[in-house]
């Protein structure tokens, strides 16, 4: 599976931004997908996940209530709607496909996208 993430950019604190990730190649429609992020000098961390059918969503505590993950299976695309962005949300955001139908962790990722930079200024 090849993953192409897009939508990153430079915004101010409090703004909103939406990321997209299109999957191509071997189908990922029966697998969970998710978003991870990596800030400079830090390890990659989980952000959000969504199950194969668009249900079973989960979020990191740091983004709960501000970020929303959705999925369009017909378009092989997942989205991450980010609201009330904070400076600490600054990172490279990666989309990923998981091994199972629901849930995803960094250890169960089978494919990574190339990453898209999100920078939030104060």
N, C-alpha and C. Protein backbone atom coordinates (compact mmCIF):
# COMPACT_ATOMS: atom_id res chain seq x y z
N UNK A 1 0.85 -1.20 0.00
CA UNK A 1 0.00 0.00 0.00
C UNK A 1 0.88 1.24 0.00
N UNK A 2 0.56 2.18 -0.88
CA UNK A 2 1.26 3.47 -0.90
C UNK A 2 0.32 4.52 -0.32
N UNK A 3 0.87 5.36 0.54
CA UNK A 3 0.08 6.38 1.22
C UNK A 3 0.62 7.76 0.88
N UNK A 4 -0.25 8.67 0.52
CA UNK A 4 0.13 10.02 0.17
C UNK A 4 -0.62 10.99 1.06
N UNK A 5 0.10 11.62 1.98
CA UNK A 5 -0.51 12.58 2.89
C UNK A 5 -0.35 13.99 2.35
N UNK A 6 -1.32 14.81 2.64
CA UNK A 6 -1.28 16.21 2.21
C UNK A 6 -2.09 17.07 3.17
N UNK A 7 -1.95 18.38 3.03
CA UNK A 7 -2.75 19.31 3.81
C UNK A 7 -2.02 20.05 4.89
N UNK A 8 -0.76 19.72 5.11
CA UNK A 8 -0.02 20.41 6.15
C UNK A 8 0.25 21.85 5.78
N UNK A 9 0.73 22.61 6.75
CA UNK A 9 1.04 24.00 6.49
C UNK A 9 1.38 24.75 7.76
N UNK A 10 1.48 26.06 7.60
CA UNK A 10 1.79 26.95 8.72
C UNK A 10 0.53 27.70 9.13
N UNK A 11 0.13 27.56 10.38
CA UNK A 11 -1.05 28.23 10.89
C UNK A 11 -0.73 28.85 12.24
N UNK A 12 -1.66 29.66 12.72
CA UNK A 12 -1.50 30.27 14.03
C UNK A 12 -2.24 29.46 15.09
N UNK A 13 -1.81 29.60 16.31
CA UNK A 13 -2.49 28.92 17.40
C UNK A 13 -3.97 29.29 17.41
N UNK A 14 -4.81 28.28 17.58
CA UNK A 14 -6.25 28.49 17.56
C UNK A 14 -6.90 28.23 16.22
N UNK A 15 -6.09 28.15 15.18
CA UNK A 15 -6.61 27.90 13.83
C UNK A 15 -6.97 26.43 13.64
N UNK A 16 -7.55 26.15 12.48
CA UNK A 16 -7.90 24.79 12.09
C UNK A 16 -7.14 24.39 10.85
N UNK A 17 -6.98 23.09 10.67
CA UNK A 17 -6.29 22.55 9.51
C UNK A 17 -6.79 21.13 9.28
N UNK A 18 -6.85 20.73 8.02
CA UNK A 18 -7.32 19.39 7.71
C UNK A 18 -6.28 18.65 6.89
N UNK A 19 -5.96 17.46 7.28
CA UNK A 19 -5.03 16.60 6.56
C UNK A 19 -5.79 15.50 5.83
N UNK A 20 -5.23 15.07 4.70
CA UNK A 20 -5.80 13.96 3.95
C UNK A 20 -4.71 12.94 3.69
N UNK A 21 -5.12 11.70 3.52
CA UNK A 21 -4.19 10.63 3.20
C UNK A 21 -4.89 9.67 2.25
N UNK A 22 -4.35 9.56 1.04
CA UNK A 22 -4.92 8.67 0.02
C UNK A 22 -4.08 7.41 -0.06
N UNK A 23 -4.77 6.28 -0.01
CA UNK A 23 -4.11 4.98 -0.13
C UNK A 23 -4.27 4.46 -1.54
N UNK A 24 -3.21 3.88 -2.07
CA UNK A 24 -3.26 3.29 -3.40
C UNK A 24 -2.48 1.99 -3.39
N UNK A 25 -2.64 1.24 -4.46
CA UNK A 25 -1.96 -0.05 -4.52
C UNK A 25 -2.80 -1.11 -3.86
N UNK A 26 -2.15 -2.01 -3.18
CA UNK A 26 -2.86 -3.08 -2.49
C UNK A 26 -3.88 -2.47 -1.53
N UNK A 27 -5.11 -2.94 -1.59
CA UNK A 27 -6.20 -2.32 -0.86
C UNK A 27 -5.95 -2.29 0.64
N UNK A 28 -6.37 -1.21 1.27
CA UNK A 28 -6.29 -1.08 2.72
C UNK A 28 -7.68 -0.96 3.32
N UNK A 29 -8.71 -1.22 2.49
CA UNK A 29 -10.07 -0.96 2.92
C UNK A 29 -10.52 -1.84 4.07
N UNK A 30 -9.86 -2.95 4.32
CA UNK A 30 -10.24 -3.83 5.41
C UNK A 30 -9.33 -3.69 6.62
N UNK A 31 -8.52 -2.66 6.62
CA UNK A 31 -7.56 -2.44 7.70
C UNK A 31 -7.80 -1.12 8.41
N UNK A 32 -7.44 -1.11 9.67
CA UNK A 32 -7.46 0.15 10.40
C UNK A 32 -6.38 1.08 9.82
N UNK A 33 -6.66 2.37 9.91
CA UNK A 33 -5.69 3.37 9.49
C UNK A 33 -5.58 4.43 10.58
N UNK A 34 -4.53 5.19 10.51
CA UNK A 34 -4.36 6.18 11.57
C UNK A 34 -3.36 7.25 11.23
N UNK A 35 -3.22 8.16 12.19
CA UNK A 35 -2.26 9.26 12.09
C UNK A 35 -1.31 9.22 13.28
N UNK A 36 -0.06 9.47 12.98
CA UNK A 36 0.97 9.61 13.99
C UNK A 36 1.68 10.93 13.73
N UNK A 37 2.45 11.40 14.69
CA UNK A 37 3.21 12.63 14.49
C UNK A 37 4.55 12.53 15.19
N UNK A 38 5.49 13.30 14.66
CA UNK A 38 6.82 13.34 15.25
C UNK A 38 7.32 14.77 15.28
N UNK A 39 7.52 15.27 16.48
CA UNK A 39 8.05 16.61 16.67
C UNK A 39 9.58 16.52 16.72
N UNK A 40 10.27 17.62 16.43
CA UNK A 40 11.74 17.61 16.46
C UNK A 40 12.28 17.15 17.81
N UNK A 41 13.18 16.18 17.76
CA UNK A 41 13.80 15.70 18.98
C UNK A 41 12.96 14.75 19.81
N UNK A 42 11.78 14.39 19.29
CA UNK A 42 10.89 13.50 20.02
C UNK A 42 10.60 12.25 19.21
N UNK A 43 10.11 11.23 19.90
CA UNK A 43 9.73 10.00 19.22
C UNK A 43 8.38 10.19 18.52
N UNK A 44 8.17 9.36 17.51
CA UNK A 44 6.89 9.37 16.83
C UNK A 44 5.81 8.90 17.80
N UNK A 45 4.68 9.60 17.78
CA UNK A 45 3.61 9.25 18.72
C UNK A 45 2.28 9.09 18.00
N UNK A 46 1.43 8.29 18.59
CA UNK A 46 0.09 8.04 18.07
C UNK A 46 -0.76 9.29 18.22
N UNK A 47 -1.59 9.55 17.20
CA UNK A 47 -2.51 10.68 17.26
C UNK A 47 -3.96 10.21 17.23
N UNK A 48 -4.30 9.42 16.20
CA UNK A 48 -5.69 8.99 16.06
C UNK A 48 -5.75 7.75 15.17
N UNK A 49 -6.80 6.96 15.35
CA UNK A 49 -6.99 5.76 14.55
C UNK A 49 -8.45 5.58 14.21
N UNK A 50 -8.70 4.86 13.14
CA UNK A 50 -10.06 4.59 12.71
C UNK A 50 -10.13 3.19 12.15
N UNK A 51 -11.20 2.47 12.46
CA UNK A 51 -11.34 1.11 12.02
C UNK A 51 -11.70 0.99 10.54
N UNK A 52 -11.74 -0.24 10.08
CA UNK A 52 -11.92 -0.50 8.65
C UNK A 52 -13.22 0.08 8.10
N UNK A 53 -14.26 0.13 8.92
CA UNK A 53 -15.56 0.58 8.44
C UNK A 53 -15.89 2.01 8.86
N UNK A 54 -14.91 2.72 9.37
CA UNK A 54 -15.14 4.11 9.78
C UNK A 54 -15.51 4.25 11.24
N UNK A 55 -15.67 3.13 11.92
CA UNK A 55 -15.96 3.17 13.34
C UNK A 55 -14.69 2.93 14.15
N UNK A 56 -14.88 2.62 15.45
CA UNK A 56 -13.74 2.29 16.30
C UNK A 56 -12.67 3.36 16.25
N UNK A 57 -13.08 4.62 16.42
CA UNK A 57 -12.09 5.69 16.45
C UNK A 57 -11.47 5.79 17.84
N UNK A 58 -10.22 6.21 17.86
CA UNK A 58 -9.52 6.44 19.13
C UNK A 58 -8.55 7.59 18.94
N UNK A 59 -8.25 8.27 20.05
CA UNK A 59 -7.42 9.46 20.00
C UNK A 59 -6.44 9.50 21.16
N UNK A 60 -5.32 10.14 20.92
CA UNK A 60 -4.40 10.44 22.02
C UNK A 60 -5.08 11.46 22.93
N UNK A 61 -4.79 11.37 24.20
CA UNK A 61 -5.40 12.30 25.15
C UNK A 61 -5.11 13.76 24.79
N UNK A 62 -3.95 13.99 24.23
CA UNK A 62 -3.53 15.36 23.94
C UNK A 62 -4.34 16.02 22.82
N UNK A 63 -5.05 15.22 22.02
CA UNK A 63 -5.81 15.79 20.91
C UNK A 63 -7.30 15.52 21.03
N UNK A 64 -7.68 14.76 22.02
CA UNK A 64 -9.09 14.41 22.19
C UNK A 64 -9.94 15.67 22.34
N UNK A 65 -11.02 15.72 21.58
CA UNK A 65 -11.90 16.88 21.63
C UNK A 65 -11.53 17.97 20.65
N UNK A 66 -10.34 17.89 20.09
CA UNK A 66 -9.88 18.91 19.13
C UNK A 66 -9.70 18.32 17.73
N UNK A 67 -9.29 17.06 17.65
CA UNK A 67 -9.05 16.41 16.36
C UNK A 67 -10.14 15.39 16.09
N UNK A 68 -10.46 15.23 14.81
CA UNK A 68 -11.44 14.24 14.39
C UNK A 68 -10.91 13.48 13.19
N UNK A 69 -10.91 12.16 13.31
CA UNK A 69 -10.47 11.31 12.19
C UNK A 69 -11.70 10.73 11.51
N UNK A 70 -11.71 10.76 10.20
CA UNK A 70 -12.80 10.18 9.42
C UNK A 70 -12.22 9.40 8.26
N UNK A 71 -13.12 8.67 7.61
CA UNK A 71 -12.65 7.77 6.55
C UNK A 71 -13.69 7.71 5.45
N UNK A 72 -13.22 7.74 4.21
CA UNK A 72 -14.07 7.53 3.04
C UNK A 72 -13.53 6.31 2.32
N UNK A 73 -14.17 5.17 2.53
CA UNK A 73 -13.66 3.92 1.97
C UNK A 73 -13.73 3.93 0.45
N UNK A 74 -14.74 4.57 -0.10
CA UNK A 74 -14.89 4.62 -1.56
C UNK A 74 -13.71 5.35 -2.21
N UNK A 75 -13.15 6.30 -1.49
CA UNK A 75 -12.03 7.08 -2.01
C UNK A 75 -10.69 6.61 -1.46
N UNK A 76 -10.71 5.57 -0.63
CA UNK A 76 -9.47 5.07 0.00
C UNK A 76 -8.72 6.19 0.69
N UNK A 77 -9.45 7.03 1.38
CA UNK A 77 -8.87 8.22 1.98
C UNK A 77 -9.28 8.35 3.45
N UNK A 78 -8.34 8.76 4.26
CA UNK A 78 -8.67 9.16 5.62
C UNK A 78 -8.34 10.63 5.80
N UNK A 79 -9.00 11.23 6.76
CA UNK A 79 -8.84 12.66 7.01
C UNK A 79 -8.57 12.89 8.49
N UNK A 80 -7.90 13.98 8.78
CA UNK A 80 -7.72 14.40 10.15
C UNK A 80 -8.07 15.88 10.23
N UNK A 81 -9.21 16.15 10.83
CA UNK A 81 -9.64 17.53 11.02
C UNK A 81 -9.09 18.00 12.35
N UNK A 82 -8.30 19.06 12.32
CA UNK A 82 -7.64 19.56 13.53
C UNK A 82 -8.16 20.96 13.83
N UNK A 83 -8.68 21.14 15.05
CA UNK A 83 -9.20 22.43 15.47
C UNK A 83 -8.45 22.90 16.72
N UNK A 84 -8.58 24.17 17.00
CA UNK A 84 -7.94 24.75 18.19
C UNK A 84 -6.49 24.32 18.31
N UNK A 85 -5.77 24.46 17.21
CA UNK A 85 -4.38 24.00 17.18
C UNK A 85 -3.52 24.74 18.19
N UNK A 86 -2.57 24.02 18.75
CA UNK A 86 -1.65 24.57 19.73
C UNK A 86 -0.23 24.49 19.19
N UNK A 87 0.64 25.29 19.76
CA UNK A 87 2.04 25.28 19.33
C UNK A 87 2.62 23.87 19.47
N UNK A 88 2.20 23.18 20.52
CA UNK A 88 2.73 21.83 20.76
C UNK A 88 2.20 20.78 19.78
N UNK A 89 1.30 21.17 18.89
CA UNK A 89 0.85 20.26 17.83
C UNK A 89 1.81 20.29 16.64
N UNK A 90 2.78 21.17 16.68
CA UNK A 90 3.77 21.26 15.60
C UNK A 90 4.53 19.95 15.47
N UNK A 91 4.52 19.37 14.27
CA UNK A 91 5.16 18.08 14.03
C UNK A 91 5.01 17.71 12.57
N UNK A 92 5.72 16.66 12.19
CA UNK A 92 5.45 16.01 10.91
C UNK A 92 4.39 14.95 11.18
N UNK A 93 3.32 15.00 10.42
CA UNK A 93 2.21 14.07 10.60
C UNK A 93 2.29 12.97 9.54
N UNK A 94 2.19 11.73 10.00
CA UNK A 94 2.27 10.57 9.14
C UNK A 94 0.96 9.78 9.18
N UNK A 95 0.49 9.37 8.02
CA UNK A 95 -0.63 8.44 8.02
C UNK A 95 -0.07 7.02 7.91
N UNK A 96 -0.87 6.06 8.31
CA UNK A 96 -0.39 4.69 8.37
C UNK A 96 -1.54 3.71 8.22
N UNK A 97 -1.19 2.53 7.75
CA UNK A 97 -2.13 1.42 7.68
C UNK A 97 -1.72 0.38 8.70
N UNK A 98 -2.70 -0.17 9.40
CA UNK A 98 -2.41 -1.16 10.42
C UNK A 98 -2.61 -2.57 9.93
N UNK A 99 -2.17 -3.50 10.76
CA UNK A 99 -2.25 -4.91 10.42
C UNK A 99 -3.66 -5.47 10.59
N UNK A 100 -4.42 -4.92 11.51
CA UNK A 100 -5.73 -5.48 11.82
C UNK A 100 -6.85 -4.55 11.37
N UNK A 101 -8.09 -5.02 11.59
CA UNK A 101 -9.26 -4.28 11.15
C UNK A 101 -9.58 -3.07 12.03
N UNK A 102 -9.23 -3.18 13.30
CA UNK A 102 -9.47 -2.08 14.23
C UNK A 102 -8.22 -1.87 15.08
N UNK A 103 -7.99 -0.65 15.45
CA UNK A 103 -6.85 -0.35 16.30
C UNK A 103 -5.55 -0.32 15.53
N UNK A 104 -4.66 0.55 15.95
CA UNK A 104 -3.35 0.65 15.32
C UNK A 104 -2.38 1.25 16.34
N UNK A 105 -1.19 0.67 16.37
CA UNK A 105 -0.10 1.23 17.15
C UNK A 105 1.12 1.27 16.25
N UNK A 106 2.16 1.90 16.71
CA UNK A 106 3.35 1.98 15.88
C UNK A 106 3.92 0.59 15.59
N UNK A 107 3.62 -0.38 16.46
CA UNK A 107 4.16 -1.73 16.26
C UNK A 107 3.32 -2.54 15.29
N UNK A 108 2.09 -2.09 15.03
CA UNK A 108 1.22 -2.85 14.12
C UNK A 108 1.08 -2.17 12.76
N UNK A 109 1.81 -1.10 12.53
CA UNK A 109 1.76 -0.42 11.24
C UNK A 109 2.45 -1.27 10.18
N UNK A 110 1.81 -1.40 9.03
CA UNK A 110 2.39 -2.15 7.92
C UNK A 110 2.88 -1.22 6.79
N UNK A 111 2.31 -0.02 6.72
CA UNK A 111 2.76 0.95 5.72
C UNK A 111 2.68 2.35 6.30
N UNK A 112 3.69 3.16 5.98
CA UNK A 112 3.73 4.56 6.41
C UNK A 112 3.65 5.48 5.20
N UNK A 113 2.99 6.61 5.37
CA UNK A 113 3.04 7.66 4.36
C UNK A 113 4.31 8.47 4.53
N UNK A 114 4.51 9.45 3.65
CA UNK A 114 5.76 10.19 3.64
C UNK A 114 5.78 11.33 4.65
N UNK A 115 4.67 11.70 5.22
CA UNK A 115 4.63 12.76 6.21
C UNK A 115 4.31 14.12 5.62
N UNK A 116 3.61 14.92 6.39
CA UNK A 116 3.31 16.29 6.00
C UNK A 116 3.52 17.19 7.22
N UNK A 117 4.19 18.30 7.00
CA UNK A 117 4.58 19.18 8.10
C UNK A 117 3.42 20.08 8.53
N UNK A 118 3.18 20.11 9.82
CA UNK A 118 2.22 21.04 10.41
C UNK A 118 2.99 21.91 11.39
N UNK A 119 2.93 23.21 11.18
CA UNK A 119 3.62 24.15 12.06
C UNK A 119 2.60 25.14 12.61
N UNK A 120 2.55 25.22 13.93
CA UNK A 120 1.62 26.12 14.59
C UNK A 120 2.42 27.19 15.31
N UNK A 121 2.19 28.43 14.93
CA UNK A 121 2.92 29.54 15.53
C UNK A 121 2.08 30.20 16.62
N UNK A 122 2.75 30.82 17.57
CA UNK A 122 2.02 31.46 18.68
C UNK A 122 1.61 32.88 18.33
